[in-house]
Amino acid sequence: MRDCDINAMLVERESVLIREYDAALDMAGFDSRDIVLDIATGSGRMLQQLLNRGYTVISGDIDKEALDRAKERLGDLGNKPKFMLFDAHSLPFDDNSINAITLANAIHEIKDPCGVLDEIVRVLSDDGKLLVVEFNSLGFEMMELHHKMQGRGKHPEGEMAAEDIENYLRKSFKSVKTSEFSITHAWVAFGKGGGKQ
């Protein structure tokens, strides 16, 4: 692949991610009255799409600099979400207290992702919905190229493959909807309490 092709692909990545996050949010169909907890906000792409749709959002990350970058990305919307610094392995919320949660392109960055998913299940209400988005193989390939072009180390692919994420969700929820887009997978899980084994 020529450098100009790689550059064009990386420029396109941002708009593709935004389109795919929007499609994933359409799948989730969160209630407009719900407060959405965006876990591992990172640079804030999913957060921005949630705010653009008018949701009230709690945005959390373990990295204060990531939250600062997300706030900067939001511009005029930067005062809308409640920003919280927390470790997703120990969420500062009561059991069954959150109705809508997003976790976008973060599982591959997390050590002990099952521990984080267990915490999400703990705080999610019985009738709540969880939206998980994660890169597929093409998405990881694009991220690897991005890192290479920036002179950074290898981009992590994480401890859980897409199949592992789906298996976890199907064991923890009664219903899981899934879709694969061009560079991401998306899962919407609801009906806490275990599904088909």
N, C-alpha and C. Protein backbone atom coordinates (compact mmCIF):
# COMPACT_ATOMS: atom_id res chain seq x y z
N MET A 1 0.85 -1.18 0.00
CA MET A 1 0.00 0.00 0.00
C MET A 1 0.89 1.25 0.00
N ARG A 2 0.61 2.19 -0.87
CA ARG A 2 1.41 3.41 -0.96
C ARG A 2 1.11 4.34 0.21
N ASP A 3 2.11 5.19 0.54
CA ASP A 3 1.94 6.13 1.66
C ASP A 3 0.74 7.03 1.48
N CYS A 4 0.49 7.51 0.25
CA CYS A 4 -0.65 8.41 0.03
C CYS A 4 -1.97 7.67 0.28
N ASP A 5 -2.01 6.35 -0.06
CA ASP A 5 -3.21 5.56 0.22
C ASP A 5 -3.42 5.40 1.72
N ILE A 6 -2.31 5.16 2.44
CA ILE A 6 -2.39 5.00 3.90
C ILE A 6 -2.86 6.30 4.54
N ASN A 7 -2.31 7.43 4.10
CA ASN A 7 -2.72 8.73 4.65
C ASN A 7 -4.19 8.98 4.42
N ALA A 8 -4.67 8.69 3.23
CA ALA A 8 -6.09 8.89 2.92
C ALA A 8 -6.97 8.00 3.80
N MET A 9 -6.52 6.77 4.00
CA MET A 9 -7.28 5.84 4.83
C MET A 9 -7.35 6.33 6.27
N LEU A 10 -6.23 6.83 6.78
CA LEU A 10 -6.22 7.31 8.16
C LEU A 10 -7.06 8.57 8.35
N VAL A 11 -7.07 9.43 7.36
CA VAL A 11 -7.92 10.63 7.41
C VAL A 11 -9.39 10.21 7.42
N GLU A 12 -9.70 9.21 6.62
CA GLU A 12 -11.08 8.72 6.53
C GLU A 12 -11.51 8.04 7.83
N ARG A 13 -10.56 7.47 8.57
CA ARG A 13 -10.88 6.72 9.80
C ARG A 13 -11.75 7.50 10.76
N GLU A 14 -11.45 8.77 10.96
CA GLU A 14 -12.22 9.59 11.90
C GLU A 14 -13.69 9.66 11.50
N SER A 15 -13.96 9.96 10.25
CA SER A 15 -15.36 10.08 9.82
C SER A 15 -16.05 8.72 9.81
N VAL A 16 -15.30 7.66 9.49
CA VAL A 16 -15.89 6.32 9.53
C VAL A 16 -16.27 5.97 10.97
N LEU A 17 -15.38 6.24 11.93
CA LEU A 17 -15.70 5.95 13.33
C LEU A 17 -16.95 6.68 13.79
N ILE A 18 -17.06 7.95 13.42
CA ILE A 18 -18.23 8.73 13.82
C ILE A 18 -19.50 8.12 13.24
N ARG A 19 -19.47 7.76 11.97
CA ARG A 19 -20.65 7.13 11.34
C ARG A 19 -20.99 5.81 12.04
N GLU A 20 -19.97 5.05 12.36
CA GLU A 20 -20.22 3.75 12.99
C GLU A 20 -20.70 3.90 14.43
N TYR A 21 -20.20 4.91 15.15
CA TYR A 21 -20.72 5.17 16.49
C TYR A 21 -22.19 5.57 16.41
N ASP A 22 -22.53 6.38 15.42
CA ASP A 22 -23.94 6.76 15.25
C ASP A 22 -24.81 5.54 14.96
N ALA A 23 -24.34 4.66 14.10
CA ALA A 23 -25.10 3.44 13.79
C ALA A 23 -25.24 2.56 15.03
N ALA A 24 -24.19 2.48 15.83
CA ALA A 24 -24.24 1.69 17.06
C ALA A 24 -25.24 2.31 18.05
N LEU A 25 -25.26 3.63 18.14
CA LEU A 25 -26.23 4.29 19.03
C LEU A 25 -27.66 4.08 18.53
N ASP A 26 -27.84 4.06 17.22
CA ASP A 26 -29.17 3.72 16.68
C ASP A 26 -29.58 2.33 17.14
N MET A 27 -28.64 1.39 17.07
CA MET A 27 -28.90 0.01 17.53
C MET A 27 -29.31 -0.01 18.99
N ALA A 28 -28.59 0.76 19.81
CA ALA A 28 -28.82 0.75 21.25
C ALA A 28 -30.19 1.31 21.61
N GLY A 29 -30.60 2.37 20.93
CA GLY A 29 -31.90 2.96 21.20
C GLY A 29 -32.11 3.33 22.66
N PHE A 30 -31.11 3.96 23.27
CA PHE A 30 -31.26 4.38 24.66
C PHE A 30 -32.45 5.31 24.81
N ASP A 31 -33.10 5.24 25.95
CA ASP A 31 -34.20 6.16 26.27
C ASP A 31 -33.62 7.56 26.43
N SER A 32 -34.27 8.53 25.82
CA SER A 32 -33.76 9.91 25.86
C SER A 32 -33.73 10.48 27.28
N ARG A 33 -34.49 9.88 28.20
CA ARG A 33 -34.52 10.37 29.58
C ARG A 33 -33.39 9.79 30.43
N ASP A 34 -32.72 8.77 29.92
CA ASP A 34 -31.67 8.13 30.70
C ASP A 34 -30.39 8.95 30.71
N ILE A 35 -29.69 8.88 31.83
CA ILE A 35 -28.32 9.40 31.91
C ILE A 35 -27.43 8.28 31.39
N VAL A 36 -26.58 8.60 30.43
CA VAL A 36 -25.68 7.60 29.85
C VAL A 36 -24.31 7.71 30.51
N LEU A 37 -23.79 6.58 30.96
CA LEU A 37 -22.45 6.51 31.51
C LEU A 37 -21.50 6.06 30.40
N ASP A 38 -20.59 6.93 29.99
CA ASP A 38 -19.60 6.61 28.96
C ASP A 38 -18.30 6.26 29.67
N ILE A 39 -17.99 4.96 29.69
CA ILE A 39 -16.82 4.46 30.42
C ILE A 39 -15.62 4.43 29.49
N ALA A 40 -14.45 4.81 30.03
CA ALA A 40 -13.20 4.86 29.25
C ALA A 40 -13.39 5.79 28.06
N THR A 41 -13.79 7.01 28.36
CA THR A 41 -14.12 8.02 27.35
C THR A 41 -13.01 8.26 26.34
N GLY A 42 -11.75 8.18 26.80
CA GLY A 42 -10.64 8.42 25.88
C GLY A 42 -10.72 9.80 25.27
N SER A 43 -10.55 9.88 23.95
CA SER A 43 -10.54 11.19 23.28
C SER A 43 -11.93 11.77 23.07
N GLY A 44 -12.97 11.02 23.39
CA GLY A 44 -14.32 11.59 23.42
C GLY A 44 -15.17 11.48 22.17
N ARG A 45 -14.83 10.58 21.25
CA ARG A 45 -15.65 10.47 20.04
C ARG A 45 -17.08 10.01 20.35
N MET A 46 -17.21 8.94 21.16
CA MET A 46 -18.55 8.46 21.50
C MET A 46 -19.27 9.50 22.37
N LEU A 47 -18.55 10.10 23.29
CA LEU A 47 -19.13 11.15 24.14
C LEU A 47 -19.74 12.25 23.29
N GLN A 48 -19.02 12.69 22.28
CA GLN A 48 -19.51 13.76 21.42
C GLN A 48 -20.80 13.35 20.70
N GLN A 49 -20.86 12.11 20.23
CA GLN A 49 -22.07 11.66 19.54
C GLN A 49 -23.25 11.57 20.50
N LEU A 50 -22.99 11.15 21.73
CA LEU A 50 -24.06 11.11 22.73
C LEU A 50 -24.60 12.52 23.00
N LEU A 51 -23.71 13.48 23.17
CA LEU A 51 -24.13 14.86 23.43
C LEU A 51 -24.86 15.45 22.23
N ASN A 52 -24.38 15.14 21.03
CA ASN A 52 -25.05 15.63 19.82
C ASN A 52 -26.49 15.14 19.73
N ARG A 53 -26.74 13.98 20.34
CA ARG A 53 -28.10 13.41 20.35
C ARG A 53 -28.94 13.93 21.52
N GLY A 54 -28.33 14.74 22.37
CA GLY A 54 -29.09 15.35 23.46
C GLY A 54 -29.11 14.56 24.76
N TYR A 55 -28.30 13.51 24.86
CA TYR A 55 -28.26 12.74 26.11
C TYR A 55 -27.54 13.51 27.21
N THR A 56 -27.96 13.27 28.44
CA THR A 56 -27.20 13.69 29.61
C THR A 56 -26.17 12.60 29.85
N VAL A 57 -24.90 12.99 30.00
CA VAL A 57 -23.83 11.99 30.02
C VAL A 57 -22.89 12.21 31.21
N ILE A 58 -22.52 11.09 31.83
CA ILE A 58 -21.41 11.05 32.77
C ILE A 58 -20.25 10.42 32.00
N SER A 59 -19.15 11.14 31.91
CA SER A 59 -17.99 10.70 31.16
C SER A 59 -16.87 10.35 32.13
N GLY A 60 -16.38 9.10 32.05
CA GLY A 60 -15.35 8.69 32.98
C GLY A 60 -14.16 8.04 32.32
N ASP A 61 -12.99 8.28 32.89
CA ASP A 61 -11.77 7.67 32.40
C ASP A 61 -10.77 7.62 33.56
N ILE A 62 -9.80 6.71 33.47
CA ILE A 62 -8.77 6.59 34.49
C ILE A 62 -7.68 7.64 34.29
N ASP A 63 -7.65 8.26 33.11
CA ASP A 63 -6.59 9.19 32.72
C ASP A 63 -7.13 10.62 32.64
N LYS A 64 -6.66 11.49 33.52
CA LYS A 64 -7.13 12.88 33.52
C LYS A 64 -6.82 13.57 32.20
N GLU A 65 -5.65 13.28 31.60
CA GLU A 65 -5.30 13.90 30.32
C GLU A 65 -6.28 13.50 29.22
N ALA A 66 -6.76 12.26 29.26
CA ALA A 66 -7.76 11.81 28.28
C ALA A 66 -9.04 12.63 28.44
N LEU A 67 -9.47 12.83 29.67
CA LEU A 67 -10.68 13.62 29.91
C LEU A 67 -10.48 15.06 29.46
N ASP A 68 -9.29 15.61 29.67
CA ASP A 68 -8.99 16.97 29.21
C ASP A 68 -9.06 17.05 27.68
N ARG A 69 -8.52 16.02 26.99
CA ARG A 69 -8.59 15.99 25.52
C ARG A 69 -10.03 15.87 25.04
N ALA A 70 -10.82 15.05 25.74
CA ALA A 70 -12.23 14.90 25.37
C ALA A 70 -12.96 16.23 25.53
N LYS A 71 -12.70 16.92 26.63
CA LYS A 71 -13.34 18.22 26.87
C LYS A 71 -12.96 19.21 25.77
N GLU A 72 -11.69 19.19 25.38
CA GLU A 72 -11.22 20.08 24.31
C GLU A 72 -11.90 19.75 22.98
N ARG A 73 -12.07 18.46 22.69
CA ARG A 73 -12.74 18.03 21.46
C ARG A 73 -14.17 18.56 21.39
N LEU A 74 -14.81 18.66 22.55
CA LEU A 74 -16.23 19.03 22.60
C LEU A 74 -16.49 20.50 22.32
N GLY A 75 -15.48 21.34 22.49
CA GLY A 75 -15.68 22.77 22.25
C GLY A 75 -16.80 23.31 23.12
N ASP A 76 -17.83 23.90 22.49
CA ASP A 76 -18.94 24.51 23.22
C ASP A 76 -19.74 23.51 24.06
N LEU A 77 -19.65 22.23 23.72
CA LEU A 77 -20.37 21.21 24.49
C LEU A 77 -19.58 20.74 25.72
N GLY A 78 -18.38 21.29 25.92
CA GLY A 78 -17.48 20.84 26.98
C GLY A 78 -18.02 20.97 28.39
N ASN A 79 -19.02 21.83 28.58
CA ASN A 79 -19.58 21.99 29.92
C ASN A 79 -20.82 21.11 30.13
N LYS A 80 -21.20 20.34 29.12
CA LYS A 80 -22.42 19.52 29.21
C LYS A 80 -22.27 18.24 30.03
N PRO A 81 -21.23 17.41 29.76
CA PRO A 81 -21.15 16.18 30.54
C PRO A 81 -20.58 16.41 31.94
N LYS A 82 -20.85 15.46 32.81
CA LYS A 82 -20.17 15.44 34.11
C LYS A 82 -18.94 14.56 33.91
N PHE A 83 -17.74 15.13 34.07
CA PHE A 83 -16.50 14.39 33.93
C PHE A 83 -16.09 13.81 35.28
N MET A 84 -15.71 12.53 35.26
CA MET A 84 -15.29 11.86 36.49
C MET A 84 -14.02 11.05 36.22
N LEU A 85 -13.09 11.13 37.15
CA LEU A 85 -11.87 10.34 37.08
C LEU A 85 -12.13 9.07 37.89
N PHE A 86 -12.09 7.90 37.24
CA PHE A 86 -12.28 6.65 37.96
C PHE A 86 -11.65 5.48 37.22
N ASP A 87 -11.40 4.42 37.97
CA ASP A 87 -10.92 3.16 37.42
C ASP A 87 -12.14 2.30 37.13
N ALA A 88 -12.29 1.85 35.90
CA ALA A 88 -13.47 1.08 35.51
C ALA A 88 -13.53 -0.28 36.22
N HIS A 89 -12.43 -0.70 36.84
CA HIS A 89 -12.45 -1.95 37.61
C HIS A 89 -13.18 -1.79 38.94
N SER A 90 -13.43 -0.55 39.33
CA SER A 90 -14.10 -0.27 40.60
C SER A 90 -14.95 0.99 40.41
N LEU A 91 -16.10 0.83 39.77
CA LEU A 91 -16.94 1.97 39.41
C LEU A 91 -17.58 2.59 40.65
N PRO A 92 -17.59 3.92 40.75
CA PRO A 92 -18.12 4.61 41.93
C PRO A 92 -19.64 4.81 41.87
N PHE A 93 -20.35 3.72 41.57
CA PHE A 93 -21.81 3.77 41.45
C PHE A 93 -22.41 2.57 42.18
N ASP A 94 -23.64 2.76 42.67
CA ASP A 94 -24.34 1.69 43.38
C ASP A 94 -24.75 0.57 42.42
N ASP A 95 -25.01 -0.60 42.97
CA ASP A 95 -25.52 -1.72 42.18
C ASP A 95 -26.82 -1.30 41.49
N ASN A 96 -27.01 -1.74 40.27
CA ASN A 96 -28.27 -1.55 39.53
C ASN A 96 -28.70 -0.09 39.43
N SER A 97 -27.75 0.84 39.32
CA SER A 97 -28.10 2.26 39.40
C SER A 97 -28.03 3.01 38.07
N ILE A 98 -27.50 2.39 37.00
CA ILE A 98 -27.31 3.08 35.73
C ILE A 98 -28.12 2.36 34.65
N ASN A 99 -28.87 3.12 33.86
CA ASN A 99 -29.74 2.52 32.83
C ASN A 99 -29.10 2.40 31.46
N ALA A 100 -28.04 3.15 31.18
CA ALA A 100 -27.44 3.14 29.85
C ALA A 100 -25.93 3.34 29.98
N ILE A 101 -25.17 2.42 29.38
CA ILE A 101 -23.71 2.48 29.47
C ILE A 101 -23.11 2.26 28.09
N THR A 102 -22.08 3.04 27.77
CA THR A 102 -21.31 2.83 26.55
C THR A 102 -19.86 2.53 26.91
N LEU A 103 -19.26 1.65 26.12
CA LEU A 103 -17.84 1.29 26.24
C LEU A 103 -17.33 1.16 24.81
N ALA A 104 -16.70 2.22 24.31
CA ALA A 104 -16.36 2.30 22.89
C ALA A 104 -14.85 2.20 22.65
N ASN A 105 -14.46 1.18 21.91
CA ASN A 105 -13.06 0.96 21.53
C ASN A 105 -12.11 1.11 22.71
N ALA A 106 -12.48 0.45 23.80
CA ALA A 106 -11.68 0.53 25.02
C ALA A 106 -11.25 -0.84 25.52
N ILE A 107 -12.00 -1.89 25.21
CA ILE A 107 -11.69 -3.21 25.77
C ILE A 107 -10.25 -3.62 25.45
N HIS A 108 -9.79 -3.29 24.25
CA HIS A 108 -8.42 -3.70 23.87
C HIS A 108 -7.35 -2.94 24.64
N GLU A 109 -7.71 -1.86 25.31
CA GLU A 109 -6.76 -1.07 26.10
C GLU A 109 -6.75 -1.46 27.57
N ILE A 110 -7.71 -2.28 27.99
CA ILE A 110 -7.94 -2.55 29.41
C ILE A 110 -7.29 -3.86 29.84
N LYS A 111 -6.58 -3.80 30.97
CA LYS A 111 -6.10 -5.02 31.60
C LYS A 111 -7.26 -5.59 32.40
N ASP A 112 -7.44 -6.88 32.35
CA ASP A 112 -8.56 -7.57 33.00
C ASP A 112 -9.90 -7.01 32.51
N PRO A 113 -10.18 -7.11 31.21
CA PRO A 113 -11.45 -6.61 30.69
C PRO A 113 -12.66 -7.31 31.27
N CYS A 114 -12.53 -8.59 31.63
CA CYS A 114 -13.67 -9.27 32.25
C CYS A 114 -14.02 -8.64 33.59
N GLY A 115 -13.00 -8.19 34.33
CA GLY A 115 -13.25 -7.50 35.60
C GLY A 115 -14.04 -6.21 35.38
N VAL A 116 -13.70 -5.48 34.32
CA VAL A 116 -14.44 -4.25 33.99
C VAL A 116 -15.86 -4.59 33.57
N LEU A 117 -16.01 -5.60 32.73
CA LEU A 117 -17.37 -5.99 32.31
C LEU A 117 -18.20 -6.46 33.50
N ASP A 118 -17.57 -7.16 34.45
CA ASP A 118 -18.28 -7.56 35.67
C ASP A 118 -18.77 -6.33 36.44
N GLU A 119 -17.94 -5.30 36.53
CA GLU A 119 -18.33 -4.07 37.21
C GLU A 119 -19.48 -3.38 36.47
N ILE A 120 -19.42 -3.38 35.15
CA ILE A 120 -20.49 -2.77 34.36
C ILE A 120 -21.80 -3.50 34.63
N VAL A 121 -21.75 -4.83 34.62
CA VAL A 121 -22.97 -5.61 34.90
C VAL A 121 -23.49 -5.28 36.30
N ARG A 122 -22.60 -5.11 37.26
CA ARG A 122 -23.01 -4.78 38.62
C ARG A 122 -23.79 -3.47 38.69
N VAL A 123 -23.29 -2.42 38.03
CA VAL A 123 -23.94 -1.11 38.17
C VAL A 123 -25.11 -0.92 37.21
N LEU A 124 -25.18 -1.72 36.15
CA LEU A 124 -26.27 -1.58 35.18
C LEU A 124 -27.58 -2.05 35.80
N SER A 125 -28.63 -1.27 35.59
CA SER A 125 -29.94 -1.66 36.12
C SER A 125 -30.45 -2.91 35.42
N ASP A 126 -31.41 -3.59 36.06
CA ASP A 126 -31.92 -4.85 35.51
C ASP A 126 -32.49 -4.68 34.11
N ASP A 127 -33.08 -3.52 33.84
CA ASP A 127 -33.65 -3.28 32.50
C ASP A 127 -32.78 -2.32 31.68
N GLY A 128 -31.53 -2.13 32.12
CA GLY A 128 -30.62 -1.22 31.41
C GLY A 128 -30.00 -1.86 30.18
N LYS A 129 -29.33 -1.03 29.39
CA LYS A 129 -28.68 -1.47 28.16
C LYS A 129 -27.20 -1.09 28.18
N LEU A 130 -26.40 -2.00 27.67
CA LEU A 130 -24.97 -1.78 27.51
C LEU A 130 -24.63 -1.81 26.02
N LEU A 131 -23.95 -0.77 25.56
CA LEU A 131 -23.44 -0.73 24.18
C LEU A 131 -21.92 -0.87 24.23
N VAL A 132 -21.41 -1.91 23.58
CA VAL A 132 -19.96 -2.13 23.47
C VAL A 132 -19.60 -2.01 22.00
N VAL A 133 -18.59 -1.21 21.71
CA VAL A 133 -18.04 -1.09 20.36
C VAL A 133 -16.56 -1.42 20.45
N GLU A 134 -16.08 -2.23 19.51
CA GLU A 134 -14.67 -2.58 19.50
C GLU A 134 -14.21 -2.73 18.06
N PHE A 135 -12.95 -2.40 17.81
CA PHE A 135 -12.42 -2.54 16.46
C PHE A 135 -12.51 -3.98 15.98
N ASN A 136 -12.77 -4.15 14.67
CA ASN A 136 -12.64 -5.46 14.05
C ASN A 136 -11.22 -5.56 13.46
N SER A 137 -10.95 -6.59 12.68
CA SER A 137 -9.57 -6.80 12.19
C SER A 137 -9.11 -5.64 11.31
N LEU A 138 -9.98 -5.09 10.47
CA LEU A 138 -9.59 -3.95 9.64
C LEU A 138 -9.34 -2.72 10.51
N GLY A 139 -10.17 -2.53 11.51
CA GLY A 139 -9.97 -1.40 12.42
C GLY A 139 -8.63 -1.48 13.14
N PHE A 140 -8.28 -2.68 13.62
CA PHE A 140 -6.99 -2.85 14.28
C PHE A 140 -5.84 -2.63 13.30
N GLU A 141 -6.02 -3.07 12.07
CA GLU A 141 -4.99 -2.86 11.04
C GLU A 141 -4.78 -1.36 10.80
N MET A 142 -5.88 -0.61 10.73
CA MET A 142 -5.78 0.84 10.54
C MET A 142 -5.08 1.50 11.73
N MET A 143 -5.42 1.06 12.95
CA MET A 143 -4.79 1.64 14.13
C MET A 143 -3.29 1.31 14.16
N GLU A 144 -2.94 0.11 13.73
CA GLU A 144 -1.53 -0.26 13.67
C GLU A 144 -0.77 0.64 12.70
N LEU A 145 -1.37 0.92 11.54
CA LEU A 145 -0.76 1.82 10.57
C LEU A 145 -0.62 3.23 11.15
N HIS A 146 -1.65 3.67 11.84
CA HIS A 146 -1.64 5.00 12.47
C HIS A 146 -0.48 5.10 13.46
N HIS A 147 -0.33 4.09 14.31
CA HIS A 147 0.76 4.09 15.28
C HIS A 147 2.11 4.07 14.58
N LYS A 148 2.21 3.26 13.53
CA LYS A 148 3.48 3.16 12.79
C LYS A 148 3.86 4.51 12.19
N MET A 149 2.88 5.20 11.60
CA MET A 149 3.15 6.49 10.97
C MET A 149 3.54 7.54 12.00
N GLN A 150 3.05 7.40 13.23
CA GLN A 150 3.39 8.36 14.30
C GLN A 150 4.67 7.97 15.04
N GLY A 151 5.27 6.84 14.65
CA GLY A 151 6.48 6.40 15.32
C GLY A 151 6.25 5.88 16.72
N ARG A 152 5.02 5.45 16.99
CA ARG A 152 4.68 4.91 18.30
C ARG A 152 4.82 3.39 18.28
N GLY A 153 4.75 2.79 19.44
CA GLY A 153 4.85 1.33 19.54
C GLY A 153 3.64 0.64 18.95
N LYS A 154 3.65 -0.65 19.06
CA LYS A 154 2.55 -1.47 18.52
C LYS A 154 1.23 -1.10 19.19
N HIS A 155 0.19 -1.01 18.40
CA HIS A 155 -1.14 -0.73 18.93
C HIS A 155 -1.67 -2.00 19.60
N PRO A 156 -2.19 -1.90 20.83
CA PRO A 156 -2.68 -3.10 21.52
C PRO A 156 -3.93 -3.67 20.85
N GLU A 157 -4.03 -5.00 20.88
CA GLU A 157 -5.25 -5.66 20.39
C GLU A 157 -6.03 -6.27 21.53
N GLY A 158 -5.46 -6.24 22.73
CA GLY A 158 -6.20 -6.62 23.93
C GLY A 158 -6.24 -8.10 24.22
N GLU A 159 -6.88 -8.39 25.34
CA GLU A 159 -6.97 -9.76 25.85
C GLU A 159 -8.22 -10.48 25.34
N MET A 160 -9.20 -9.75 24.82
CA MET A 160 -10.46 -10.36 24.39
C MET A 160 -10.69 -10.13 22.90
N ALA A 161 -10.84 -11.21 22.17
CA ALA A 161 -11.23 -11.12 20.77
C ALA A 161 -12.73 -10.87 20.70
N ALA A 162 -13.22 -10.53 19.52
CA ALA A 162 -14.65 -10.26 19.34
C ALA A 162 -15.50 -11.44 19.83
N GLU A 163 -15.05 -12.65 19.54
CA GLU A 163 -15.79 -13.84 19.96
C GLU A 163 -15.86 -13.93 21.48
N ASP A 164 -14.78 -13.57 22.16
CA ASP A 164 -14.75 -13.58 23.63
C ASP A 164 -15.72 -12.55 24.21
N ILE A 165 -15.75 -11.37 23.60
CA ILE A 165 -16.67 -10.32 24.06
C ILE A 165 -18.10 -10.80 23.90
N GLU A 166 -18.41 -11.34 22.73
CA GLU A 166 -19.78 -11.82 22.50
C GLU A 166 -20.15 -12.93 23.47
N ASN A 167 -19.25 -13.89 23.70
CA ASN A 167 -19.53 -14.98 24.64
C ASN A 167 -19.78 -14.45 26.04
N TYR A 168 -18.97 -13.48 26.48
CA TYR A 168 -19.16 -12.89 27.80
C TYR A 168 -20.56 -12.27 27.89
N LEU A 169 -20.91 -11.47 26.89
CA LEU A 169 -22.20 -10.78 26.92
C LEU A 169 -23.36 -11.76 26.88
N ARG A 170 -23.26 -12.81 26.08
CA ARG A 170 -24.35 -13.79 25.98
C ARG A 170 -24.52 -14.58 27.28
N LYS A 171 -23.45 -14.73 28.05
CA LYS A 171 -23.55 -15.41 29.35
C LYS A 171 -24.11 -14.49 30.43
N SER A 172 -23.98 -13.18 30.23
CA SER A 172 -24.36 -12.22 31.27
C SER A 172 -25.70 -11.54 31.01
N PHE A 173 -26.21 -11.64 29.78
CA PHE A 173 -27.44 -10.95 29.40
C PHE A 173 -28.39 -11.90 28.66
N LYS A 174 -29.67 -11.64 28.80
CA LYS A 174 -30.67 -12.47 28.13
C LYS A 174 -30.74 -12.19 26.63
N SER A 175 -30.39 -10.97 26.24
CA SER A 175 -30.49 -10.61 24.83
C SER A 175 -29.26 -9.80 24.41
N VAL A 176 -28.70 -10.16 23.26
CA VAL A 176 -27.55 -9.44 22.70
C VAL A 176 -27.78 -9.25 21.21
N LYS A 177 -27.82 -7.99 20.78
CA LYS A 177 -27.86 -7.67 19.35
C LYS A 177 -26.45 -7.33 18.92
N THR A 178 -26.09 -7.76 17.72
CA THR A 178 -24.73 -7.51 17.26
C THR A 178 -24.74 -7.08 15.80
N SER A 179 -23.74 -6.28 15.46
CA SER A 179 -23.57 -5.86 14.07
C SER A 179 -22.09 -5.62 13.83
N GLU A 180 -21.65 -5.95 12.62
CA GLU A 180 -20.27 -5.61 12.25
C GLU A 180 -20.33 -4.56 11.17
N PHE A 181 -19.62 -3.47 11.42
CA PHE A 181 -19.52 -2.37 10.47
C PHE A 181 -18.19 -2.50 9.73
N SER A 182 -17.76 -1.47 9.05
CA SER A 182 -16.54 -1.60 8.25
C SER A 182 -15.28 -1.74 9.11
N ILE A 183 -15.18 -0.99 10.22
CA ILE A 183 -13.97 -1.10 11.05
C ILE A 183 -14.27 -1.43 12.52
N THR A 184 -15.53 -1.64 12.87
CA THR A 184 -15.88 -1.98 14.25
C THR A 184 -16.95 -3.06 14.30
N HIS A 185 -17.00 -3.71 15.46
CA HIS A 185 -18.13 -4.55 15.87
C HIS A 185 -18.92 -3.73 16.88
N ALA A 186 -20.21 -3.99 16.97
CA ALA A 186 -21.02 -3.37 18.02
C ALA A 186 -21.95 -4.42 18.61
N TRP A 187 -22.10 -4.36 19.93
CA TRP A 187 -23.02 -5.24 20.64
C TRP A 187 -23.90 -4.39 21.54
N VAL A 188 -25.19 -4.69 21.57
CA VAL A 188 -26.10 -4.09 22.53
C VAL A 188 -26.64 -5.23 23.38
N ALA A 189 -26.37 -5.16 24.68
CA ALA A 189 -26.76 -6.22 25.60
C ALA A 189 -27.78 -5.66 26.59
N PHE A 190 -28.83 -6.46 26.85
CA PHE A 190 -29.84 -6.04 27.82
C PHE A 190 -30.50 -7.27 28.39
N GLY A 191 -31.24 -7.06 29.49
CA GLY A 191 -31.85 -8.19 30.19
C GLY A 191 -30.81 -8.88 31.05
N LYS A 192 -30.29 -8.15 32.01
CA LYS A 192 -29.23 -8.66 32.88
C LYS A 192 -29.68 -9.95 33.57
N GLY A 193 -28.73 -10.83 33.77
CA GLY A 193 -29.06 -12.04 34.55
C GLY A 193 -28.71 -13.32 33.85
N GLY A 194 -28.11 -13.24 32.70
CA GLY A 194 -27.65 -14.46 32.06
C GLY A 194 -28.52 -14.88 30.91
N GLY A 195 -27.88 -15.32 29.90
CA GLY A 195 -28.57 -15.74 28.69
C GLY A 195 -28.28 -17.18 28.39
N LYS A 196 -28.24 -17.50 27.13
CA LYS A 196 -27.98 -18.87 26.69
C LYS A 196 -26.52 -19.19 26.88
N GLN A 197 -26.26 -20.37 27.35
CA GLN A 197 -24.87 -20.83 27.56
C GLN A 197 -24.30 -21.40 26.28
